[in-house]
Amino acid sequence: MTVPTDNDCSKVVDLSDAFAALDGLPNAVRVQCAMQLASQFLEYAAYEMALDQGAGDVSEIIHMAARLDQAAQRIDDKTFLNRMAQNLRKI
C-alpha cells in the first residue's frame, strides 16, 4: 500500500483494473458489485476515521455503508426474483 503525499487519491490508488473487471460483468451484477465495493470503501474510511474523528462522523459513514449494502442486497433480491419469474414462465 502506498501512502498519499497529497490530496489527490487518484495518484495513489489506481482503480482502473477494478473498473475493467466490473465492466465485464452483466449489468445487474455490475451494479450490485460496485455498490458492495463502495460500501467496503466507506467502512474502511470509517475505521480509519475512528482514530481521530468524532463518533457522530464515524457513525454517519458506517450508516452510509450499511445503506449501500442494503441497497445492493435489494438489487440482488430483485434480480433473483426476476430470474425465478422468467424460469416459471418457461415451464
Protein backbone atom coordinates (compact mmCIF):
# COMPACT_ATOMS: atom_id res chain seq x y z
CA MET A 1 0.00 0.00 0.00
CA THR A 2 1.31 3.44 -0.84
CA VAL A 3 0.97 6.45 1.40
CA PRO A 4 -0.63 9.57 -0.11
CA THR A 5 1.68 12.58 -0.25
CA ASP A 6 -1.03 14.99 -1.36
CA ASN A 7 -4.82 15.14 -1.53
CA ASP A 8 -5.13 13.56 -4.98
CA CYS A 9 -6.04 9.91 -4.24
CA SER A 10 -6.13 9.06 -7.95
CA LYS A 11 -2.34 9.39 -7.99
CA VAL A 12 -2.03 6.84 -5.18
CA VAL A 13 -4.78 4.30 -5.88
CA ASP A 14 -5.34 3.05 -9.41
CA LEU A 15 -8.81 1.57 -9.70
CA SER A 16 -8.70 1.01 -13.47
CA ASP A 17 -8.29 -2.77 -13.06
CA ALA A 18 -11.27 -2.89 -10.70
CA PHE A 19 -13.41 -0.89 -13.13
CA ALA A 20 -12.30 -3.10 -16.02
CA ALA A 21 -13.29 -6.19 -14.04
CA LEU A 22 -16.68 -4.67 -13.26
CA ASP A 23 -17.21 -3.78 -16.92
CA GLY A 24 -17.00 -7.46 -17.81
CA LEU A 25 -19.98 -8.37 -15.62
CA PRO A 26 -23.68 -8.37 -16.56
CA ASN A 27 -25.34 -5.05 -15.71
CA ALA A 28 -27.33 -6.14 -12.62
CA VAL A 29 -24.30 -7.91 -11.17
CA ARG A 30 -22.04 -4.97 -12.06
CA VAL A 31 -24.27 -2.52 -10.19
CA GLN A 32 -24.52 -4.76 -7.15
CA CYS A 33 -20.76 -5.38 -7.02
CA ALA A 34 -19.96 -1.69 -7.44
CA MET A 35 -22.30 -0.83 -4.59
CA GLN A 36 -20.78 -3.52 -2.36
CA LEU A 37 -17.27 -2.25 -3.14
CA ALA A 38 -18.33 1.31 -2.37
CA SER A 39 -19.76 0.08 0.92
CA GLN A 40 -16.46 -1.60 1.78
CA PHE A 41 -14.56 1.61 0.98
CA LEU A 42 -16.88 3.55 3.28
CA GLU A 43 -16.40 1.00 6.06
CA TYR A 44 -12.64 1.32 5.61
CA ALA A 45 -12.90 5.11 5.78
CA ALA A 46 -14.99 4.90 8.96
CA TYR A 47 -12.43 2.59 10.57
CA GLU A 48 -9.63 5.00 9.70
CA MET A 49 -11.69 8.00 10.82
CA ALA A 50 -12.35 6.41 14.20
CA LEU A 51 -8.78 7.14 15.23
CA ASP A 52 -9.19 10.91 15.23
CA GLN A 53 -12.76 11.92 14.28
CA GLY A 54 -15.85 12.26 16.39
CA ALA A 55 -18.22 9.36 16.90
CA GLY A 56 -21.01 11.19 15.06
CA ASP A 57 -18.95 11.48 11.87
CA VAL A 58 -17.83 7.87 12.07
CA SER A 59 -21.35 6.57 12.68
CA GLU A 60 -22.65 8.60 9.73
CA ILE A 61 -20.14 6.91 7.40
CA ILE A 62 -20.98 3.48 8.85
CA HIS A 63 -24.67 4.22 8.27
CA MET A 64 -23.97 5.18 4.63
CA ALA A 65 -22.06 1.93 4.15
CA ALA A 66 -24.91 -0.08 5.63
CA ARG A 67 -27.48 1.64 3.41
CA LEU A 68 -25.39 0.94 0.31
CA ASP A 69 -25.01 -2.69 1.32
CA GLN A 70 -28.76 -2.99 1.90
CA ALA A 71 -29.49 -1.39 -1.48
CA ALA A 72 -27.10 -3.85 -3.14
CA GLN A 73 -28.92 -6.70 -1.42
CA ARG A 74 -32.27 -5.40 -2.70
CA ILE A 75 -30.86 -5.38 -6.23
CA ASP A 76 -29.71 -8.97 -5.76
CA ASP A 77 -33.13 -9.98 -4.42
CA LYS A 78 -34.92 -8.33 -7.35
CA THR A 79 -32.55 -9.98 -9.82
CA PHE A 80 -33.16 -13.35 -8.19
CA LEU A 81 -36.93 -12.86 -8.22
CA ASN A 82 -36.86 -11.74 -11.86
CA ARG A 83 -34.87 -14.84 -12.81
CA MET A 84 -37.31 -17.06 -10.89
CA ALA A 85 -40.28 -15.42 -12.64
CA GLN A 86 -38.64 -15.90 -16.05
CA ASN A 87 -37.95 -19.55 -15.27
CA LEU A 88 -41.54 -20.08 -14.16
CA ARG A 89 -42.81 -18.57 -17.41
CA LYS A 90 -40.73 -21.10 -19.35
CA ILE A 91 -42.47 -24.01 -17.62
